């Protein structure tokens, strides 16, 4: 006789078992436990700090100012 889908090994979790393990809540409330979140957070903070500390990324390498580009004459 073929096995039935109603056997205990095919039953879904639920009923009394579901009451033992309450849902963990939505992902956005528990994502701060993820390693990926903290790695992304560190890179974003580093990028923002770099942007602010370099005055809108306007710093030029070296101490000498750039010479202006001469205008084209007609």
PDB file of N, CA and C in Angstrom:
ATOM      1  N   UNK A   1       0.851  -1.166   0.000  1.00  0.00           N
ATOM      2  CA  UNK A   1       0.000   0.000   0.000  1.00  0.00           C
ATOM      3  C   UNK A   1       0.904   1.238   0.000  1.00  0.00           C
ATOM      4  N   UNK A   2       0.643   2.206  -0.898  1.00  0.00           N
ATOM      5  CA  UNK A   2       1.487   3.404  -0.939  1.00  0.00           C
ATOM      6  C   UNK A   2       1.305   4.250   0.309  1.00  0.00           C
ATOM      7  N   UNK A   3       2.365   4.961   0.651  1.00  0.00           N
ATOM      8  CA  UNK A   3       2.294   5.788   1.859  1.00  0.00           C
ATOM      9  C   UNK A   3       1.401   6.997   1.602  1.00  0.00           C
ATOM     10  N   UNK A   4       0.732   7.401   2.602  1.00  0.00           N
ATOM     11  CA  UNK A   4      -0.219   8.503   2.507  1.00  0.00           C
ATOM     12  C   UNK A   4       0.456   9.794   2.950  1.00  0.00           C
ATOM     13  N   UNK A   5      -0.012  10.913   2.408  1.00  0.00           N
ATOM     14  CA  UNK A   5       0.532  12.211   2.795  1.00  0.00           C
ATOM     15  C   UNK A   5       0.070  12.608   4.190  1.00  0.00           C
ATOM     16  N   UNK A   6      -0.832  11.829   4.785  1.00  0.00           N
ATOM     17  CA  UNK A   6      -1.335  12.153   6.120  1.00  0.00           C
ATOM     18  C   UNK A   6      -0.519  11.503   7.226  1.00  0.00           C
ATOM     19  N   UNK A   7       0.518  10.771   6.867  1.00  0.00           N
ATOM     20  CA  UNK A   7       1.348  10.162   7.891  1.00  0.00           C
ATOM     21  C   UNK A   7       2.091  11.243   8.666  1.00  0.00           C
ATOM     22  N   UNK A   8       2.516  10.909   9.854  1.00  0.00           N
ATOM     23  CA  UNK A   8       3.141  11.905  10.726  1.00  0.00           C
ATOM     24  C   UNK A   8       4.447  12.453  10.160  1.00  0.00           C
ATOM     25  N   UNK A   9       5.178  11.676   9.362  1.00  0.00           N
ATOM     26  CA  UNK A   9       6.444  12.186   8.846  1.00  0.00           C
ATOM     27  C   UNK A   9       6.246  13.245   7.769  1.00  0.00           C
ATOM     28  N   UNK A  10       5.033  13.373   7.205  1.00  0.00           N
ATOM     29  CA  UNK A  10       4.769  14.372   6.189  1.00  0.00           C
ATOM     30  C   UNK A  10       3.967  15.554   6.715  1.00  0.00           C
ATOM     31  N   UNK A  11       3.612  15.557   7.972  1.00  0.00           N
ATOM     32  CA  UNK A  11       2.808  16.656   8.494  1.00  0.00           C
ATOM     33  C   UNK A  11       3.659  17.906   8.684  1.00  0.00           C
ATOM     34  N   UNK A  12       3.046  19.042   8.416  1.00  0.00           N
ATOM     35  CA  UNK A  12       3.723  20.314   8.582  1.00  0.00           C
ATOM     36  C   UNK A  12       3.803  20.672  10.055  1.00  0.00           C
ATOM     37  N   UNK A  13       4.786  21.479  10.396  1.00  0.00           N
ATOM     38  CA  UNK A  13       4.880  21.955  11.765  1.00  0.00           C
ATOM     39  C   UNK A  13       3.722  22.906  12.021  1.00  0.00           C
ATOM     40  N   UNK A  14       3.169  22.819  13.168  1.00  0.00           N
ATOM     41  CA  UNK A  14       2.056  23.696  13.495  1.00  0.00           C
ATOM     42  C   UNK A  14       1.360  23.161  14.730  1.00  0.00           C
ATOM     43  N   UNK A  15       0.190  23.646  14.980  1.00  0.00           N
ATOM     44  CA  UNK A  15      -0.572  23.173  16.121  1.00  0.00           C
ATOM     45  C   UNK A  15       0.135  23.519  17.414  1.00  0.00           C
ATOM     46  N   UNK A  16       0.257  22.545  18.304  1.00  0.00           N
ATOM     47  CA  UNK A  16       0.881  22.766  19.608  1.00  0.00           C
ATOM     48  C   UNK A  16       2.366  23.109  19.460  1.00  0.00           C
ATOM     49  N   UNK A  17       3.002  22.552  18.435  1.00  0.00           N
ATOM     50  CA  UNK A  17       4.431  22.825  18.237  1.00  0.00           C
ATOM     51  C   UNK A  17       4.660  24.299  17.896  1.00  0.00           C
ATOM     52  N   UNK A  18       3.761  24.894  17.146  1.00  0.00           N
ATOM     53  CA  UNK A  18       3.928  26.300  16.772  1.00  0.00           C
ATOM     54  C   UNK A  18       3.842  27.207  17.996  1.00  0.00           C
ATOM     55  N   UNK A  19       3.080  26.817  19.000  1.00  0.00           N
ATOM     56  CA  UNK A  19       2.960  27.631  20.208  1.00  0.00           C
ATOM     57  C   UNK A  19       4.258  27.636  21.016  1.00  0.00           C
ATOM     58  N   UNK A  20       5.078  26.595  20.864  1.00  0.00           N
ATOM     59  CA  UNK A  20       6.346  26.524  21.586  1.00  0.00           C
ATOM     60  C   UNK A  20       7.355  27.534  21.050  1.00  0.00           C
ATOM     61  N   UNK A  21       7.289  27.853  19.758  1.00  0.00           N
ATOM     62  CA  UNK A  21       8.237  28.754  19.106  1.00  0.00           C
ATOM     63  C   UNK A  21       7.482  29.924  18.502  1.00  0.00           C
ATOM     64  N   UNK A  22       7.348  31.016  19.229  1.00  0.00           N
ATOM     65  CA  UNK A  22       6.641  32.170  18.668  1.00  0.00           C
ATOM     66  C   UNK A  22       7.427  32.763  17.502  1.00  0.00           C
ATOM     67  N   UNK A  23       6.765  33.459  16.602  1.00  0.00           N
ATOM     68  CA  UNK A  23       7.486  34.063  15.471  1.00  0.00           C
ATOM     69  C   UNK A  23       8.517  35.077  15.968  1.00  0.00           C
ATOM     70  N   UNK A  24       9.581  35.210  15.216  1.00  0.00           N
ATOM     71  CA  UNK A  24      10.684  36.078  15.609  1.00  0.00           C
ATOM     72  C   UNK A  24      10.446  37.532  15.244  1.00  0.00           C
ATOM     73  N   UNK A  25       9.377  37.820  14.564  1.00  0.00           N
ATOM     74  CA  UNK A  25       9.095  39.190  14.143  1.00  0.00           C
ATOM     75  C   UNK A  25       9.617  39.432  12.746  1.00  0.00           C
ATOM     76  N   UNK A  26       9.317  40.592  12.199  1.00  0.00           N
ATOM     77  CA  UNK A  26       9.767  40.893  10.838  1.00  0.00           C
ATOM     78  C   UNK A  26      11.281  41.008  10.757  1.00  0.00           C
ATOM     79  N   UNK A  27      11.809  40.775   9.568  1.00  0.00           N
ATOM     80  CA  UNK A  27      13.257  40.760   9.366  1.00  0.00           C
ATOM     81  C   UNK A  27      13.880  42.110   9.684  1.00  0.00           C
ATOM     82  N   UNK A  28      13.217  43.218   9.320  1.00  0.00           N
ATOM     83  CA  UNK A  28      13.817  44.532   9.520  1.00  0.00           C
ATOM     84  C   UNK A  28      14.025  44.855  10.986  1.00  0.00           C
ATOM     85  N   UNK A  29      13.336  44.170  11.882  1.00  0.00           N
ATOM     86  CA  UNK A  29      13.543  44.409  13.306  1.00  0.00           C
ATOM     87  C   UNK A  29      14.704  43.593  13.867  1.00  0.00           C
ATOM     88  N   UNK A  30      15.077  42.522  13.185  1.00  0.00           N
ATOM     89  CA  UNK A  30      16.142  41.668  13.714  1.00  0.00           C
ATOM     90  C   UNK A  30      17.359  41.611  12.804  1.00  0.00           C
ATOM     91  N   UNK A  31      17.398  42.442  11.747  1.00  0.00           N
ATOM     92  CA  UNK A  31      18.508  42.372  10.803  1.00  0.00           C
ATOM     93  C   UNK A  31      19.818  42.864  11.401  1.00  0.00           C
ATOM     94  N   UNK A  32      19.758  43.634  12.504  1.00  0.00           N
ATOM     95  CA  UNK A  32      21.005  44.118  13.095  1.00  0.00           C
ATOM     96  C   UNK A  32      21.809  42.991  13.736  1.00  0.00           C
ATOM     97  N   UNK A  33      21.293  41.790  13.750  1.00  0.00           N
ATOM     98  CA  UNK A  33      22.040  40.638  14.243  1.00  0.00           C
ATOM     99  C   UNK A  33      22.874  39.999  13.136  1.00  0.00           C
ATOM    100  N   UNK A  34      22.729  40.481  11.915  1.00  0.00           N
ATOM    101  CA  UNK A  34      23.406  39.906  10.754  1.00  0.00           C
ATOM    102  C   UNK A  34      24.801  40.511  10.583  1.00  0.00           C
ATOM    103  N   UNK A  35      25.764  39.676  10.236  1.00  0.00           N
ATOM    104  CA  UNK A  35      27.125  40.145   9.969  1.00  0.00           C
ATOM    105  C   UNK A  35      27.145  41.043   8.733  1.00  0.00           C
ATOM    106  N   UNK A  36      26.355  40.697   7.722  1.00  0.00           N
ATOM    107  CA  UNK A  36      26.295  41.513   6.503  1.00  0.00           C
ATOM    108  C   UNK A  36      25.856  42.942   6.823  1.00  0.00           C
ATOM    109  N   UNK A  37      24.895  43.103   7.717  1.00  0.00           N
ATOM    110  CA  UNK A  37      24.421  44.434   8.100  1.00  0.00           C
ATOM    111  C   UNK A  37      25.563  45.253   8.686  1.00  0.00           C
ATOM    112  N   UNK A  38      26.346  44.680   9.583  1.00  0.00           N
ATOM    113  CA  UNK A  38      27.407  45.434  10.237  1.00  0.00           C
ATOM    114  C   UNK A  38      28.556  45.748   9.287  1.00  0.00           C
ATOM    115  N   UNK A  39      28.852  44.848   8.357  1.00  0.00           N
ATOM    116  CA  UNK A  39      29.893  45.138   7.357  1.00  0.00           C
ATOM    117  C   UNK A  39      29.446  46.294   6.467  1.00  0.00           C
ATOM    118  N   UNK A  40      28.202  46.253   6.017  1.00  0.00           N
ATOM    119  CA  UNK A  40      27.667  47.337   5.190  1.00  0.00           C
ATOM    120  C   UNK A  40      27.637  48.644   5.977  1.00  0.00           C
ATOM    121  N   UNK A  41      27.269  48.575   7.249  1.00  0.00           N
ATOM    122  CA  UNK A  41      27.223  49.767   8.097  1.00  0.00           C
ATOM    123  C   UNK A  41      28.599  50.416   8.215  1.00  0.00           C
ATOM    124  N   UNK A  42      29.629  49.620   8.427  1.00  0.00           N
ATOM    125  CA  UNK A  42      30.993  50.150   8.566  1.00  0.00           C
ATOM    126  C   UNK A  42      31.441  50.820   7.269  1.00  0.00           C
ATOM    127  N   UNK A  43      31.176  50.190   6.121  1.00  0.00           N
ATOM    128  CA  UNK A  43      31.579  50.789   4.846  1.00  0.00           C
ATOM    129  C   UNK A  43      30.811  52.082   4.565  1.00  0.00           C
ATOM    130  N   UNK A  44      29.527  52.114   4.874  1.00  0.00           N
ATOM    131  CA  UNK A  44      28.754  53.331   4.660  1.00  0.00           C
ATOM    132  C   UNK A  44      29.226  54.459   5.573  1.00  0.00           C
ATOM    133  N   UNK A  45      29.505  54.144   6.825  1.00  0.00           N
ATOM    134  CA  UNK A  45      30.006  55.170   7.740  1.00  0.00           C
ATOM    135  C   UNK A  45      31.374  55.686   7.281  1.00  0.00           C
ATOM    136  N   UNK A  46      32.249  54.795   6.825  1.00  0.00           N
ATOM    137  CA  UNK A  46      33.564  55.221   6.338  1.00  0.00           C
ATOM    138  C   UNK A  46      33.424  56.138   5.123  1.00  0.00           C
ATOM    139  N   UNK A  47      32.499  55.814   4.225  1.00  0.00           N
ATOM    140  CA  UNK A  47      32.284  56.654   3.048  1.00  0.00           C
ATOM    141  C   UNK A  47      31.742  58.019   3.442  1.00  0.00           C
ATOM    142  N   UNK A  48      30.804  58.070   4.372  1.00  0.00           N
ATOM    143  CA  UNK A  48      30.242  59.352   4.801  1.00  0.00           C
ATOM    144  C   UNK A  48      31.280  60.202   5.530  1.00  0.00           C
ATOM    145  N   UNK A  49      32.079  59.582   6.392  1.00  0.00           N
ATOM    146  CA  UNK A  49      33.116  60.325   7.119  1.00  0.00           C
ATOM    147  C   UNK A  49      34.160  60.860   6.144  1.00  0.00           C
ATOM    148  N   UNK A  50      34.547  60.057   5.170  1.00  0.00           N
ATOM    149  CA  UNK A  50      35.511  60.498   4.160  1.00  0.00           C
ATOM    150  C   UNK A  50      34.955  61.680   3.379  1.00  0.00           C
ATOM    151  N   UNK A  51      33.698  61.621   2.989  1.00  0.00           N
ATOM    152  CA  UNK A  51      33.070  62.701   2.225  1.00  0.00           C
ATOM    153  C   UNK A  51      33.039  63.994   3.038  1.00  0.00           C
ATOM    154  N   UNK A  52      32.676  63.913   4.298  1.00  0.00           N
ATOM    155  CA  UNK A  52      32.574  65.111   5.130  1.00  0.00           C
ATOM    156  C   UNK A  52      33.957  65.657   5.464  1.00  0.00           C
ATOM    157  N   UNK A  53      34.902  64.811   5.811  1.00  0.00           N
ATOM    158  CA  UNK A  53      36.225  65.266   6.233  1.00  0.00           C
ATOM    159  C   UNK A  53      37.045  65.843   5.073  1.00  0.00           C
ATOM    160  N   UNK A  54      36.756  65.458   3.856  1.00  0.00           N
ATOM    161  CA  UNK A  54      37.515  65.964   2.712  1.00  0.00           C
ATOM    162  C   UNK A  54      36.825  67.149   2.057  1.00  0.00           C
ATOM    163  N   UNK A  55      35.823  67.719   2.731  1.00  0.00           N
ATOM    164  CA  UNK A  55      35.139  68.896   2.211  1.00  0.00           C
ATOM    165  C   UNK A  55      34.569  68.623   0.826  1.00  0.00           C
ATOM    166  N   UNK A  56      33.663  67.676   0.756  1.00  0.00           N
ATOM    167  CA  UNK A  56      32.979  67.336  -0.489  1.00  0.00           C
ATOM    168  C   UNK A  56      33.946  66.720  -1.510  1.00  0.00           C
ATOM    169  N   UNK A  57      34.903  65.973  -1.032  1.00  0.00           N
ATOM    170  CA  UNK A  57      35.939  65.335  -1.859  1.00  0.00           C
ATOM    171  C   UNK A  57      36.699  66.357  -2.701  1.00  0.00           C
ATOM    172  N   UNK A  58      36.869  67.583  -2.174  1.00  0.00           N
ATOM    173  CA  UNK A  58      37.500  68.658  -2.924  1.00  0.00           C
ATOM    174  C   UNK A  58      38.998  68.765  -2.680  1.00  0.00           C
ATOM    175  N   UNK A  59      39.554  67.969  -1.787  1.00  0.00           N
ATOM    176  CA  UNK A  59      40.988  68.064  -1.519  1.00  0.00           C
ATOM    177  C   UNK A  59      41.774  67.515  -2.700  1.00  0.00           C
ATOM    178  N   UNK A  60      42.857  68.206  -2.998  1.00  0.00           N
ATOM    179  CA  UNK A  60      43.730  67.772  -4.091  1.00  0.00           C
ATOM    180  C   UNK A  60      45.019  67.228  -3.492  1.00  0.00           C
ATOM    181  N   UNK A  61      45.596  66.247  -4.125  1.00  0.00           N
ATOM    182  CA  UNK A  61      46.881  65.757  -3.617  1.00  0.00           C
ATOM    183  C   UNK A  61      47.975  66.806  -3.816  1.00  0.00           C
ATOM    184  N   UNK A  62      48.868  66.902  -2.883  1.00  0.00           N
ATOM    185  CA  UNK A  62      49.977  67.849  -2.977  1.00  0.00           C
ATOM    186  C   UNK A  62      49.606  69.216  -2.442  1.00  0.00           C
ATOM    187  N   UNK A  63      50.623  70.065  -2.258  1.00  0.00           N
ATOM    188  CA  UNK A  63      50.411  71.391  -1.686  1.00  0.00           C
ATOM    189  C   UNK A  63      50.260  72.476  -2.756  1.00  0.00           C
ATOM    190  N   UNK A  64      50.731  72.237  -3.968  1.00  0.00           N
ATOM    191  CA  UNK A  64      50.693  73.273  -4.986  1.00  0.00           C
ATOM    192  C   UNK A  64      49.292  73.337  -5.625  1.00  0.00           C
ATOM    193  N   UNK A  65      48.778  74.551  -5.783  1.00  0.00           N
ATOM    194  CA  UNK A  65      47.465  74.667  -6.420  1.00  0.00           C
ATOM    195  C   UNK A  65      47.567  74.377  -7.909  1.00  0.00           C
ATOM    196  N   UNK A  66      46.487  73.941  -8.475  1.00  0.00           N
ATOM    197  CA  UNK A  66      46.471  73.653  -9.905  1.00  0.00           C
ATOM    198  C   UNK A  66      46.489  74.955 -10.689  1.00  0.00           C
ATOM    199  N   UNK A  67      47.177  74.936 -11.813  1.00  0.00           N
ATOM    200  CA  UNK A  67      47.178  76.124 -12.678  1.00  0.00           C
ATOM    201  C   UNK A  67      45.885  76.134 -13.480  1.00  0.00           C
ATOM    202  N   UNK A  68      45.304  77.292 -13.670  1.00  0.00           N
ATOM    203  CA  UNK A  68      44.056  77.332 -14.427  1.00  0.00           C
ATOM    204  C   UNK A  68      44.285  76.962 -15.889  1.00  0.00           C
ATOM    205  N   UNK A  69      43.281  76.410 -16.492  1.00  0.00           N
ATOM    206  CA  UNK A  69      43.350  76.027 -17.899  1.00  0.00           C
ATOM    207  C   UNK A  69      43.144  77.272 -18.730  1.00  0.00           C
ATOM    208  N   UNK A  70      44.039  77.563 -19.670  1.00  0.00           N
ATOM    209  CA  UNK A  70      43.881  78.767 -20.474  1.00  0.00           C
ATOM    210  C   UNK A  70      42.651  78.664 -21.383  1.00  0.00           C
ATOM    211  N   UNK A  71      41.992  79.788 -21.549  1.00  0.00           N
ATOM    212  CA  UNK A  71      40.808  79.826 -22.409  1.00  0.00           C
ATOM    213  C   UNK A  71      41.255  79.792 -23.870  1.00  0.00           C
ATOM    214  N   UNK A  72      40.409  79.247 -24.680  1.00  0.00           N
ATOM    215  CA  UNK A  72      40.694  79.216 -26.117  1.00  0.00           C
ATOM    216  C   UNK A  72      40.493  80.603 -26.708  1.00  0.00           C
ATOM    217  N   UNK A  73      41.432  81.045 -27.532  1.00  0.00           N
ATOM    218  CA  UNK A  73      41.270  82.338 -28.170  1.00  0.00           C
ATOM    219  C   UNK A  73      40.701  82.128 -29.567  1.00  0.00           C
ATOM    220  N   UNK A  74      39.835  83.043 -30.003  1.00  0.00           N
ATOM    221  CA  UNK A  74      39.212  82.866 -31.340  1.00  0.00           C
ATOM    222  C   UNK A  74      40.120  83.114 -32.478  1.00  0.00           C
TER     223      UNK A  74
END
